Amino acid sequence: MLARTYRLRKNSDFQRLYRTAKRFATPNLVLYYTPSHLKYSQVGFVVSKKVSKSAVVRNTLRRRASGVVEEMFANIKEPVKMIVLIRKDFSGMNPNELKAEINKLLERLVA
């Protein structure tokens, strides 16, 4: 799990990012991002009830995505604030496929 300082927690941060951030999308994920004034990057994860009514499933999806982003977090050179919005239930997806999809979004962010 990412350390607390590297996670977005305030609703105001999420709302500001939704209004002002640029975004990249794949069929399963959307990445909202904006440059950060801090010396480090922050990330938040969103899974709506449209994806699954079950909180257990939503939290599992959030943890899986968080684990993959945590592995790749050091590759982000410039500090950014970003939100990873999970569009679809990828619980049946192979972990390598999930890693590739998130990696594709983060590569576009770094490029």
PDB file of N, CA and C in Angstrom:
ATOM      1  N   MET A   1       0.833  -1.180   0.000  1.00  0.00           N
ATOM      2  CA  MET A   1       0.000   0.000   0.000  1.00  0.00           C
ATOM      3  C   MET A   1       0.883   1.250   0.000  1.00  0.00           C
ATOM      4  N   LEU A   2       0.479   2.224  -0.768  1.00  0.00           N
ATOM      5  CA  LEU A   2       1.212   3.485  -0.818  1.00  0.00           C
ATOM      6  C   LEU A   2       1.154   4.191   0.534  1.00  0.00           C
ATOM      7  N   ALA A   3       2.226   4.871   0.872  1.00  0.00           N
ATOM      8  CA  ALA A   3       2.252   5.636   2.115  1.00  0.00           C
ATOM      9  C   ALA A   3       1.190   6.739   2.052  1.00  0.00           C
ATOM     10  N   ARG A   4       0.713   7.137   3.189  1.00  0.00           N
ATOM     11  CA  ARG A   4      -0.378   8.102   3.279  1.00  0.00           C
ATOM     12  C   ARG A   4      -0.049   9.418   2.554  1.00  0.00           C
ATOM     13  N   THR A   5       1.187   9.866   2.612  1.00  0.00           N
ATOM     14  CA  THR A   5       1.548  11.134   1.963  1.00  0.00           C
ATOM     15  C   THR A   5       1.433  11.054   0.446  1.00  0.00           C
ATOM     16  N   TYR A   6       1.516   9.861  -0.120  1.00  0.00           N
ATOM     17  CA  TYR A   6       1.445   9.689  -1.573  1.00  0.00           C
ATOM     18  C   TYR A   6       0.034   9.420  -2.081  1.00  0.00           C
ATOM     19  N   ARG A   7      -0.954   9.440  -1.192  1.00  0.00           N
ATOM     20  CA  ARG A   7      -2.332   9.183  -1.588  1.00  0.00           C
ATOM     21  C   ARG A   7      -3.156  10.467  -1.503  1.00  0.00           C
ATOM     22  N   LEU A   8      -4.076  10.637  -2.445  1.00  0.00           N
ATOM     23  CA  LEU A   8      -5.040  11.732  -2.367  1.00  0.00           C
ATOM     24  C   LEU A   8      -6.158  11.284  -1.443  1.00  0.00           C
ATOM     25  N   ARG A   9      -6.545  12.148  -0.502  1.00  0.00           N
ATOM     26  CA  ARG A   9      -7.571  11.767   0.442  1.00  0.00           C
ATOM     27  C   ARG A   9      -8.726  12.761   0.520  1.00  0.00           C
ATOM     28  N   LYS A  10      -8.467  14.015   0.237  1.00  0.00           N
ATOM     29  CA  LYS A  10      -9.495  15.042   0.400  1.00  0.00           C
ATOM     30  C   LYS A  10     -10.409  15.104  -0.813  1.00  0.00           C
ATOM     31  N   ASN A  11     -11.686  15.273  -0.539  1.00  0.00           N
ATOM     32  CA  ASN A  11     -12.673  15.397  -1.601  1.00  0.00           C
ATOM     33  C   ASN A  11     -12.359  16.614  -2.467  1.00  0.00           C
ATOM     34  N   SER A  12     -11.885  17.684  -1.865  1.00  0.00           N
ATOM     35  CA  SER A  12     -11.567  18.892  -2.630  1.00  0.00           C
ATOM     36  C   SER A  12     -10.446  18.627  -3.644  1.00  0.00           C
ATOM     37  N   ASP A  13      -9.475  17.793  -3.286  1.00  0.00           N
ATOM     38  CA  ASP A  13      -8.411  17.431  -4.235  1.00  0.00           C
ATOM     39  C   ASP A  13      -8.981  16.666  -5.421  1.00  0.00           C
ATOM     40  N   PHE A  14      -9.879  15.728  -5.134  1.00  0.00           N
ATOM     41  CA  PHE A  14     -10.493  14.944  -6.207  1.00  0.00           C
ATOM     42  C   PHE A  14     -11.317  15.853  -7.122  1.00  0.00           C
ATOM     43  N   GLN A  15     -12.124  16.734  -6.538  1.00  0.00           N
ATOM     44  CA  GLN A  15     -12.974  17.609  -7.338  1.00  0.00           C
ATOM     45  C   GLN A  15     -12.135  18.556  -8.199  1.00  0.00           C
ATOM     46  N   ARG A  16     -11.045  19.091  -7.656  1.00  0.00           N
ATOM     47  CA  ARG A  16     -10.167  19.988  -8.408  1.00  0.00           C
ATOM     48  C   ARG A  16      -9.535  19.249  -9.594  1.00  0.00           C
ATOM     49  N   LEU A  17      -9.117  18.017  -9.355  1.00  0.00           N
ATOM     50  CA  LEU A  17      -8.520  17.235 -10.447  1.00  0.00           C
ATOM     51  C   LEU A  17      -9.539  16.937 -11.542  1.00  0.00           C
ATOM     52  N   TYR A  18     -10.755  16.583 -11.153  1.00  0.00           N
ATOM     53  CA  TYR A  18     -11.778  16.300 -12.159  1.00  0.00           C
ATOM     54  C   TYR A  18     -12.040  17.522 -13.030  1.00  0.00           C
ATOM     55  N   ARG A  19     -12.019  18.723 -12.437  1.00  0.00           N
ATOM     56  CA  ARG A  19     -12.303  19.946 -13.183  1.00  0.00           C
ATOM     57  C   ARG A  19     -11.148  20.383 -14.075  1.00  0.00           C
ATOM     58  N   THR A  20      -9.904  20.266 -13.578  1.00  0.00           N
ATOM     59  CA  THR A  20      -8.784  20.912 -14.257  1.00  0.00           C
ATOM     60  C   THR A  20      -7.798  19.953 -14.924  1.00  0.00           C
ATOM     61  N   ALA A  21      -7.864  18.689 -14.624  1.00  0.00           N
ATOM     62  CA  ALA A  21      -6.820  17.759 -15.067  1.00  0.00           C
ATOM     63  C   ALA A  21      -7.004  17.318 -16.511  1.00  0.00           C
ATOM     64  N   LYS A  22      -5.888  16.922 -17.102  1.00  0.00           N
ATOM     65  CA  LYS A  22      -5.909  16.250 -18.399  1.00  0.00           C
ATOM     66  C   LYS A  22      -6.169  14.778 -18.124  1.00  0.00           C
ATOM     67  N   ARG A  23      -6.541  14.040 -19.165  1.00  0.00           N
ATOM     68  CA  ARG A  23      -6.825  12.624 -18.922  1.00  0.00           C
ATOM     69  C   ARG A  23      -6.470  11.765 -20.116  1.00  0.00           C
ATOM     70  N   PHE A  24      -6.160  10.507 -19.773  1.00  0.00           N
ATOM     71  CA  PHE A  24      -5.934   9.436 -20.742  1.00  0.00           C
ATOM     72  C   PHE A  24      -6.894   8.320 -20.371  1.00  0.00           C
ATOM     73  N   ALA A  25      -7.335   7.562 -21.359  1.00  0.00           N
ATOM     74  CA  ALA A  25      -8.291   6.500 -21.074  1.00  0.00           C
ATOM     75  C   ALA A  25      -7.945   5.222 -21.820  1.00  0.00           C
ATOM     76  N   THR A  26      -8.302   4.103 -21.207  1.00  0.00           N
ATOM     77  CA  THR A  26      -8.287   2.785 -21.831  1.00  0.00           C
ATOM     78  C   THR A  26      -9.684   2.221 -21.597  1.00  0.00           C
ATOM     79  N   PRO A  27      -9.992   1.067 -22.156  1.00  0.00           N
ATOM     80  CA  PRO A  27     -11.334   0.525 -21.936  1.00  0.00           C
ATOM     81  C   PRO A  27     -11.683   0.287 -20.462  1.00  0.00           C
ATOM     82  N   ASN A  28     -10.700  -0.026 -19.620  1.00  0.00           N
ATOM     83  CA  ASN A  28     -10.982  -0.330 -18.220  1.00  0.00           C
ATOM     84  C   ASN A  28     -10.644   0.796 -17.253  1.00  0.00           C
ATOM     85  N   LEU A  29      -9.777   1.728 -17.646  1.00  0.00           N
ATOM     86  CA  LEU A  29      -9.263   2.731 -16.721  1.00  0.00           C
ATOM     87  C   LEU A  29      -9.243   4.118 -17.346  1.00  0.00           C
ATOM     88  N   VAL A  30      -9.314   5.136 -16.477  1.00  0.00           N
ATOM     89  CA  VAL A  30      -9.111   6.522 -16.887  1.00  0.00           C
ATOM     90  C   VAL A  30      -8.095   7.111 -15.920  1.00  0.00           C
ATOM     91  N   LEU A  31      -7.118   7.830 -16.445  1.00  0.00           N
ATOM     92  CA  LEU A  31      -6.102   8.470 -15.616  1.00  0.00           C
ATOM     93  C   LEU A  31      -6.249   9.981 -15.759  1.00  0.00           C
ATOM     94  N   TYR A  32      -6.605  10.663 -14.664  1.00  0.00           N
ATOM     95  CA  TYR A  32      -6.642  12.120 -14.607  1.00  0.00           C
ATOM     96  C   TYR A  32      -5.334  12.561 -13.967  1.00  0.00           C
ATOM     97  N   TYR A  33      -4.701  13.606 -14.522  1.00  0.00           N
ATOM     98  CA  TYR A  33      -3.439  14.045 -13.936  1.00  0.00           C
ATOM     99  C   TYR A  33      -3.238  15.542 -14.136  1.00  0.00           C
ATOM    100  N   THR A  34      -2.480  16.120 -13.233  1.00  0.00           N
ATOM    101  CA  THR A  34      -2.070  17.508 -13.320  1.00  0.00           C
ATOM    102  C   THR A  34      -0.739  17.653 -12.595  1.00  0.00           C
ATOM    103  N   PRO A  35       0.119  18.571 -13.009  1.00  0.00           N
ATOM    104  CA  PRO A  35       1.387  18.765 -12.301  1.00  0.00           C
ATOM    105  C   PRO A  35       1.134  19.155 -10.840  1.00  0.00           C
ATOM    106  N   SER A  36       2.041  18.752  -9.987  1.00  0.00           N
ATOM    107  CA  SER A  36       1.904  19.011  -8.557  1.00  0.00           C
ATOM    108  C   SER A  36       2.926  20.059  -8.116  1.00  0.00           C
ATOM    109  N   HIS A  37       2.534  20.874  -7.162  1.00  0.00           N
ATOM    110  CA  HIS A  37       3.469  21.856  -6.601  1.00  0.00           C
ATOM    111  C   HIS A  37       4.312  21.232  -5.489  1.00  0.00           C
ATOM    112  N   LEU A  38       3.974  20.008  -5.099  1.00  0.00           N
ATOM    113  CA  LEU A  38       4.726  19.300  -4.069  1.00  0.00           C
ATOM    114  C   LEU A  38       5.976  18.677  -4.675  1.00  0.00           C
ATOM    115  N   LYS A  39       6.843  18.157  -3.837  1.00  0.00           N
ATOM    116  CA  LYS A  39       8.073  17.518  -4.316  1.00  0.00           C
ATOM    117  C   LYS A  39       7.873  16.044  -4.652  1.00  0.00           C
ATOM    118  N   TYR A  40       6.662  15.550  -4.472  1.00  0.00           N
ATOM    119  CA  TYR A  40       6.361  14.143  -4.701  1.00  0.00           C
ATOM    120  C   TYR A  40       5.001  14.011  -5.384  1.00  0.00           C
ATOM    121  N   SER A  41       4.763  12.867  -5.980  1.00  0.00           N
ATOM    122  CA  SER A  41       3.493  12.597  -6.650  1.00  0.00           C
ATOM    123  C   SER A  41       2.477  12.053  -5.662  1.00  0.00           C
ATOM    124  N   GLN A  42       1.208  12.264  -5.995  1.00  0.00           N
ATOM    125  CA  GLN A  42       0.113  11.708  -5.198  1.00  0.00           C
ATOM    126  C   GLN A  42      -0.871  11.034  -6.147  1.00  0.00           C
ATOM    127  N   VAL A  43      -1.508   9.993  -5.651  1.00  0.00           N
ATOM    128  CA  VAL A  43      -2.460   9.242  -6.470  1.00  0.00           C
ATOM    129  C   VAL A  43      -3.683   8.876  -5.640  1.00  0.00           C
ATOM    130  N   GLY A  44      -4.834   8.890  -6.295  1.00  0.00           N
ATOM    131  CA  GLY A  44      -6.084   8.458  -5.677  1.00  0.00           C
ATOM    132  C   GLY A  44      -6.760   7.452  -6.598  1.00  0.00           C
ATOM    133  N   PHE A  45      -7.564   6.589  -6.005  1.00  0.00           N
ATOM    134  CA  PHE A  45      -8.255   5.549  -6.776  1.00  0.00           C
ATOM    135  C   PHE A  45      -9.751   5.691  -6.566  1.00  0.00           C
ATOM    136  N   VAL A  46     -10.511   5.549  -7.675  1.00  0.00           N
ATOM    137  CA  VAL A  46     -11.963   5.687  -7.620  1.00  0.00           C
ATOM    138  C   VAL A  46     -12.589   4.490  -8.313  1.00  0.00           C
ATOM    139  N   VAL A  47     -13.526   3.849  -7.605  1.00  0.00           N
ATOM    140  CA  VAL A  47     -14.311   2.759  -8.178  1.00  0.00           C
ATOM    141  C   VAL A  47     -15.761   3.044  -7.832  1.00  0.00           C
ATOM    142  N   SER A  48     -16.586   3.326  -8.837  1.00  0.00           N
ATOM    143  CA  SER A  48     -17.971   3.692  -8.558  1.00  0.00           C
ATOM    144  C   SER A  48     -18.843   2.449  -8.345  1.00  0.00           C
ATOM    145  N   LYS A  49     -20.027   2.691  -7.861  1.00  0.00           N
ATOM    146  CA  LYS A  49     -20.970   1.596  -7.651  1.00  0.00           C
ATOM    147  C   LYS A  49     -21.506   1.052  -8.978  1.00  0.00           C
ATOM    148  N   LYS A  50     -21.287   1.773 -10.076  1.00  0.00           N
ATOM    149  CA  LYS A  50     -21.650   1.242 -11.393  1.00  0.00           C
ATOM    150  C   LYS A  50     -20.826   0.001 -11.711  1.00  0.00           C
ATOM    151  N   VAL A  51     -19.583  -0.025 -11.231  1.00  0.00           N
ATOM    152  CA  VAL A  51     -18.689  -1.150 -11.495  1.00  0.00           C
ATOM    153  C   VAL A  51     -19.182  -2.374 -10.750  1.00  0.00           C
ATOM    154  N   SER A  52     -19.479  -2.214  -9.469  1.00  0.00           N
ATOM    155  CA  SER A  52     -19.998  -3.314  -8.667  1.00  0.00           C
ATOM    156  C   SER A  52     -20.735  -2.748  -7.463  1.00  0.00           C
ATOM    157  N   LYS A  53     -21.841  -3.339  -7.118  1.00  0.00           N
ATOM    158  CA  LYS A  53     -22.592  -2.903  -5.935  1.00  0.00           C
ATOM    159  C   LYS A  53     -21.912  -3.353  -4.654  1.00  0.00           C
ATOM    160  N   SER A  54     -21.079  -4.363  -4.759  1.00  0.00           N
ATOM    161  CA  SER A  54     -20.422  -4.940  -3.593  1.00  0.00           C
ATOM    162  C   SER A  54     -19.174  -4.149  -3.209  1.00  0.00           C
ATOM    163  N   ALA A  55     -19.126  -3.673  -1.976  1.00  0.00           N
ATOM    164  CA  ALA A  55     -17.962  -2.937  -1.482  1.00  0.00           C
ATOM    165  C   ALA A  55     -16.727  -3.833  -1.460  1.00  0.00           C
ATOM    166  N   VAL A  56     -16.919  -5.111  -1.214  1.00  0.00           N
ATOM    167  CA  VAL A  56     -15.799  -6.046  -1.181  1.00  0.00           C
ATOM    168  C   VAL A  56     -15.121  -6.101  -2.554  1.00  0.00           C
ATOM    169  N   VAL A  57     -15.914  -6.173  -3.606  1.00  0.00           N
ATOM    170  CA  VAL A  57     -15.368  -6.228  -4.962  1.00  0.00           C
ATOM    171  C   VAL A  57     -14.691  -4.909  -5.309  1.00  0.00           C
ATOM    172  N   ARG A  58     -15.342  -3.781  -4.983  1.00  0.00           N
ATOM    173  CA  ARG A  58     -14.748  -2.478  -5.282  1.00  0.00           C
ATOM    174  C   ARG A  58     -13.414  -2.294  -4.562  1.00  0.00           C
ATOM    175  N   ASN A  59     -13.342  -2.679  -3.301  1.00  0.00           N
ATOM    176  CA  ASN A  59     -12.095  -2.547  -2.552  1.00  0.00           C
ATOM    177  C   ASN A  59     -11.008  -3.470  -3.090  1.00  0.00           C
ATOM    178  N   THR A  60     -11.395  -4.658  -3.542  1.00  0.00           N
ATOM    179  CA  THR A  60     -10.430  -5.576  -4.140  1.00  0.00           C
ATOM    180  C   THR A  60      -9.846  -4.978  -5.416  1.00  0.00           C
ATOM    181  N   LEU A  61     -10.700  -4.396  -6.252  1.00  0.00           N
ATOM    182  CA  LEU A  61     -10.233  -3.756  -7.481  1.00  0.00           C
ATOM    183  C   LEU A  61      -9.297  -2.597  -7.148  1.00  0.00           C
ATOM    184  N   ARG A  62      -9.663  -1.810  -6.150  1.00  0.00           N
ATOM    185  CA  ARG A  62      -8.836  -0.665  -5.744  1.00  0.00           C
ATOM    186  C   ARG A  62      -7.472  -1.139  -5.252  1.00  0.00           C
ATOM    187  N   ARG A  63      -7.451  -2.196  -4.458  1.00  0.00           N
ATOM    188  CA  ARG A  63      -6.175  -2.717  -3.942  1.00  0.00           C
ATOM    189  C   ARG A  63      -5.305  -3.286  -5.054  1.00  0.00           C
ATOM    190  N   ARG A  64      -5.907  -3.984  -6.010  1.00  0.00           N
ATOM    191  CA  ARG A  64      -5.122  -4.536  -7.127  1.00  0.00           C
ATOM    192  C   ARG A  64      -4.500  -3.418  -7.957  1.00  0.00           C
ATOM    193  N   ALA A  65      -5.286  -2.401  -8.265  1.00  0.00           N
ATOM    194  CA  ALA A  65      -4.765  -1.275  -9.042  1.00  0.00           C
ATOM    195  C   ALA A  65      -3.699  -0.528  -8.244  1.00  0.00           C
ATOM    196  N   SER A  66      -3.917  -0.365  -6.969  1.00  0.00           N
ATOM    197  CA  SER A  66      -2.953   0.327  -6.112  1.00  0.00           C
ATOM    198  C   SER A  66      -1.621  -0.409  -6.071  1.00  0.00           C
ATOM    199  N   GLY A  67      -1.669  -1.716  -5.998  1.00  0.00           N
ATOM    200  CA  GLY A  67      -0.445  -2.516  -5.975  1.00  0.00           C
ATOM    201  C   GLY A  67       0.375  -2.347  -7.239  1.00  0.00           C
ATOM    202  N   VAL A  68      -0.298  -2.301  -8.387  1.00  0.00           N
ATOM    203  CA  VAL A  68       0.402  -2.141  -9.652  1.00  0.00           C
ATOM    204  C   VAL A  68       0.989  -0.732  -9.757  1.00  0.00           C
ATOM    205  N   VAL A  69       0.215   0.280  -9.375  1.00  0.00           N
ATOM    206  CA  VAL A  69       0.714   1.656  -9.441  1.00  0.00           C
ATOM    207  C   VAL A  69       1.875   1.841  -8.476  1.00  0.00           C
ATOM    208  N   GLU A  70       1.820   1.220  -7.315  1.00  0.00           N
ATOM    209  CA  GLU A  70       2.902   1.337  -6.330  1.00  0.00           C
ATOM    210  C   GLU A  70       4.224   0.811  -6.894  1.00  0.00           C
ATOM    211  N   GLU A  71       4.166  -0.289  -7.649  1.00  0.00           N
ATOM    212  CA  GLU A  71       5.373  -0.840  -8.264  1.00  0.00           C
ATOM    213  C   GLU A  71       5.994   0.131  -9.263  1.00  0.00           C
ATOM    214  N   MET A  72       5.149   0.883  -9.969  1.00  0.00           N
ATOM    215  CA  MET A  72       5.619   1.768 -11.028  1.00  0.00           C
ATOM    216  C   MET A  72       5.776   3.215 -10.565  1.00  0.00           C
ATOM    217  N   PHE A  73       5.499   3.476  -9.314  1.00  0.00           N
ATOM    218  CA  PHE A  73       5.479   4.836  -8.784  1.00  0.00           C
ATOM    219  C   PHE A  73       6.839   5.521  -8.900  1.00  0.00           C
ATOM    220  N   ALA A  74       7.911   4.774  -8.738  1.00  0.00           N
ATOM    221  CA  ALA A  74       9.260   5.349  -8.789  1.00  0.00           C
ATOM    222  C   ALA A  74       9.632   5.824 -10.197  1.00  0.00           C
ATOM    223  N   ASN A  75       8.962   5.312 -11.233  1.00  0.00           N
ATOM    224  CA  ASN A  75       9.262   5.694 -12.610  1.00  0.00           C
ATOM    225  C   ASN A  75       8.747   7.085 -12.970  1.00  0.00           C
ATOM    226  N   ILE A  76       7.865   7.633 -12.152  1.00  0.00           N
ATOM    227  CA  ILE A  76       7.299   8.950 -12.428  1.00  0.00           C
ATOM    228  C   ILE A  76       8.314  10.001 -11.998  1.00  0.00           C
ATOM    229  N   LYS A  77       8.862  10.711 -12.970  1.00  0.00           N
ATOM    230  CA  LYS A  77       9.949  11.661 -12.699  1.00  0.00           C
ATOM    231  C   LYS A  77       9.442  12.985 -12.133  1.00  0.00           C
ATOM    232  N   GLU A  78       8.493  13.607 -12.819  1.00  0.00           N
ATOM    233  CA  GLU A  78       7.955  14.892 -12.392  1.00  0.00           C
ATOM    234  C   GLU A  78       6.808  14.657 -11.403  1.00  0.00           C
ATOM    235  N   PRO A  79       6.712  15.465 -10.344  1.00  0.00           N
ATOM    236  CA  PRO A  79       5.615  15.282  -9.397  1.00  0.00           C
ATOM    237  C   PRO A  79       4.269  15.633 -10.034  1.00  0.00           C
ATOM    238  N   VAL A  80       3.319  14.724  -9.914  1.00  0.00           N
ATOM    239  CA  VAL A  80       1.973  14.927 -10.439  1.00  0.00           C
ATOM    240  C   VAL A  80       0.955  14.480  -9.397  1.00  0.00           C
ATOM    241  N   LYS A  81      -0.240  15.019  -9.527  1.00  0.00           N
ATOM    242  CA  LYS A  81      -1.377  14.503  -8.780  1.00  0.00           C
ATOM    243  C   LYS A  81      -2.223  13.766  -9.798  1.00  0.00           C
ATOM    244  N   MET A  82      -2.634  12.549  -9.476  1.00  0.00           N
ATOM    245  CA  MET A  82      -3.401  11.781 -10.449  1.00  0.00           C
ATOM    246  C   MET A  82      -4.480  10.952  -9.768  1.00  0.00           C
ATOM    247  N   ILE A  83      -5.511  10.688 -10.537  1.00  0.00           N
ATOM    248  CA  ILE A  83      -6.607   9.820 -10.112  1.00  0.00           C
ATOM    249  C   ILE A  83      -6.686   8.680 -11.109  1.00  0.00           C
ATOM    250  N   VAL A  84      -6.755   7.462 -10.607  1.00  0.00           N
ATOM    251  CA  VAL A  84      -6.994   6.291 -11.444  1.00  0.00           C
ATOM    252  C   VAL A  84      -8.450   5.900 -11.226  1.00  0.00           C
ATOM    253  N   LEU A  85      -9.271   6.117 -12.249  1.00  0.00           N
ATOM    254  CA  LEU A  85     -10.689   5.784 -12.182  1.00  0.00           C
ATOM    255  C   LEU A  85     -10.889   4.429 -12.846  1.00  0.00           C
ATOM    256  N   ILE A  86     -11.461   3.518 -12.115  1.00  0.00           N
ATOM    257  CA  ILE A  86     -11.672   2.159 -12.627  1.00  0.00           C
ATOM    258  C   ILE A  86     -13.073   2.094 -13.219  1.00  0.00           C
ATOM    259  N   ARG A  87     -13.150   1.820 -14.529  1.00  0.00           N
ATOM    260  CA  ARG A  87     -14.415   1.826 -15.254  1.00  0.00           C
ATOM    261  C   ARG A  87     -15.159   0.500 -15.199  1.00  0.00           C
ATOM    262  N   LYS A  88     -14.412  -0.595 -15.284  1.00  0.00           N
ATOM    263  CA  LYS A  88     -15.050  -1.906 -15.397  1.00  0.00           C
ATOM    264  C   LYS A  88     -14.454  -2.876 -14.391  1.00  0.00           C
ATOM    265  N   ASP A  89     -15.207  -3.895 -14.088  1.00  0.00           N
ATOM    266  CA  ASP A  89     -14.742  -4.943 -13.181  1.00  0.00           C
ATOM    267  C   ASP A  89     -13.705  -5.788 -13.907  1.00  0.00           C
ATOM    268  N   PHE A  90     -12.461  -5.684 -13.484  1.00  0.00           N
ATOM    269  CA  PHE A  90     -11.390  -6.460 -14.096  1.00  0.00           C
ATOM    270  C   PHE A  90     -10.920  -7.569 -13.170  1.00  0.00           C
ATOM    271  N   SER A  91     -11.796  -8.051 -12.291  1.00  0.00           N
ATOM    272  CA  SER A  91     -11.398  -9.092 -11.342  1.00  0.00           C
ATOM    273  C   SER A  91     -11.012 -10.382 -12.056  1.00  0.00           C
ATOM    274  N   GLY A  92     -11.562 -10.619 -13.243  1.00  0.00           N
ATOM    275  CA  GLY A  92     -11.201 -11.808 -14.003  1.00  0.00           C
ATOM    276  C   GLY A  92      -9.969 -11.614 -14.870  1.00  0.00           C
ATOM    277  N   MET A  93      -9.450 -10.399 -14.893  1.00  0.00           N
ATOM    278  CA  MET A  93      -8.304 -10.082 -15.738  1.00  0.00           C
ATOM    279  C   MET A  93      -7.011 -10.622 -15.131  1.00  0.00           C
ATOM    280  N   ASN A  94      -6.156 -11.107 -15.983  1.00  0.00           N
ATOM    281  CA  ASN A  94      -4.839 -11.582 -15.589  1.00  0.00           C
ATOM    282  C   ASN A  94      -4.040 -10.413 -15.001  1.00  0.00           C
ATOM    283  N   PRO A  95      -3.310 -10.605 -13.894  1.00  0.00           N
ATOM    284  CA  PRO A  95      -2.530  -9.510 -13.309  1.00  0.00           C
ATOM    285  C   PRO A  95      -1.534  -8.872 -14.283  1.00  0.00           C
ATOM    286  N   ASN A  96      -0.976  -9.661 -15.189  1.00  0.00           N
ATOM    287  CA  ASN A  96      -0.047  -9.101 -16.171  1.00  0.00           C
ATOM    288  C   ASN A  96      -0.752  -8.173 -17.159  1.00  0.00           C
ATOM    289  N   GLU A  97      -1.998  -8.505 -17.513  1.00  0.00           N
ATOM    290  CA  GLU A  97      -2.771  -7.642 -18.403  1.00  0.00           C
ATOM    291  C   GLU A  97      -3.093  -6.325 -17.715  1.00  0.00           C
ATOM    292  N   LEU A  98      -3.449  -6.399 -16.434  1.00  0.00           N
ATOM    293  CA  LEU A  98      -3.733  -5.194 -15.663  1.00  0.00           C
ATOM    294  C   LEU A  98      -2.483  -4.323 -15.566  1.00  0.00           C
ATOM    295  N   LYS A  99      -1.356  -4.957 -15.298  1.00  0.00           N
ATOM    296  CA  LYS A  99      -0.084  -4.231 -15.197  1.00  0.00           C
ATOM    297  C   LYS A  99       0.237  -3.549 -16.529  1.00  0.00           C
ATOM    298  N   ALA A 100       0.009  -4.249 -17.638  1.00  0.00           N
ATOM    299  CA  ALA A 100       0.288  -3.677 -18.955  1.00  0.00           C
ATOM    300  C   ALA A 100      -0.613  -2.480 -19.237  1.00  0.00           C
ATOM    301  N   GLU A 101      -1.876  -2.564 -18.838  1.00  0.00           N
ATOM    302  CA  GLU A 101      -2.817  -1.474 -19.090  1.00  0.00           C
ATOM    303  C   GLU A 101      -2.454  -0.232 -18.266  1.00  0.00           C
ATOM    304  N   ILE A 102      -2.143  -0.434 -17.005  1.00  0.00           N
ATOM    305  CA  ILE A 102      -1.744   0.697 -16.159  1.00  0.00           C
ATOM    306  C   ILE A 102      -0.404   1.253 -16.631  1.00  0.00           C
ATOM    307  N   ASN A 103       0.499   0.382 -17.035  1.00  0.00           N
ATOM    308  CA  ASN A 103       1.794   0.819 -17.540  1.00  0.00           C
ATOM    309  C   ASN A 103       1.626   1.682 -18.789  1.00  0.00           C
ATOM    310  N   LYS A 104       0.686   1.302 -19.644  1.00  0.00           N
ATOM    311  CA  LYS A 104       0.426   2.082 -20.859  1.00  0.00           C
ATOM    312  C   LYS A 104      -0.030   3.499 -20.501  1.00  0.00           C
ATOM    313  N   LEU A 105      -0.890   3.630 -19.493  1.00  0.00           N
ATOM    314  CA  LEU A 105      -1.332   4.952 -19.064  1.00  0.00           C
ATOM    315  C   LEU A 105      -0.180   5.765 -18.469  1.00  0.00           C
ATOM    316  N   LEU A 106       0.622   5.115 -17.626  1.00  0.00           N
ATOM    317  CA  LEU A 106       1.719   5.839 -16.989  1.00  0.00           C
ATOM    318  C   LEU A 106       2.814   6.212 -17.984  1.00  0.00           C
ATOM    319  N   GLU A 107       3.010   5.406 -19.022  1.00  0.00           N
ATOM    320  CA  GLU A 107       3.986   5.760 -20.058  1.00  0.00           C
ATOM    321  C   GLU A 107       3.548   7.006 -20.806  1.00  0.00           C
ATOM    322  N   ARG A 108       2.259   7.129 -21.066  1.00  0.00           N
ATOM    323  CA  ARG A 108       1.742   8.331 -21.727  1.00  0.00           C
ATOM    324  C   ARG A 108       1.912   9.544 -20.820  1.00  0.00           C
ATOM    325  N   LEU A 109       1.820   9.326 -19.526  1.00  0.00           N
ATOM    326  CA  LEU A 109       1.986  10.402 -18.554  1.00  0.00           C
ATOM    327  C   LEU A 109       3.435  10.886 -18.541  1.00  0.00           C
ATOM    328  N   VAL A 110       4.371   9.955 -18.563  1.00  0.00           N
ATOM    329  CA  VAL A 110       5.801  10.285 -18.488  1.00  0.00           C
ATOM    330  C   VAL A 110       6.286  10.903 -19.811  1.00  0.00           C
ATOM    331  N   ALA A 111       5.728  10.436 -20.933  1.00  0.00           N
ATOM    332  CA  ALA A 111       6.192  10.900 -22.256  1.00  0.00           C
ATOM    333  C   ALA A 111       5.871  12.351 -22.505  1.00  0.00           C
TER     334      ALA A 111
END
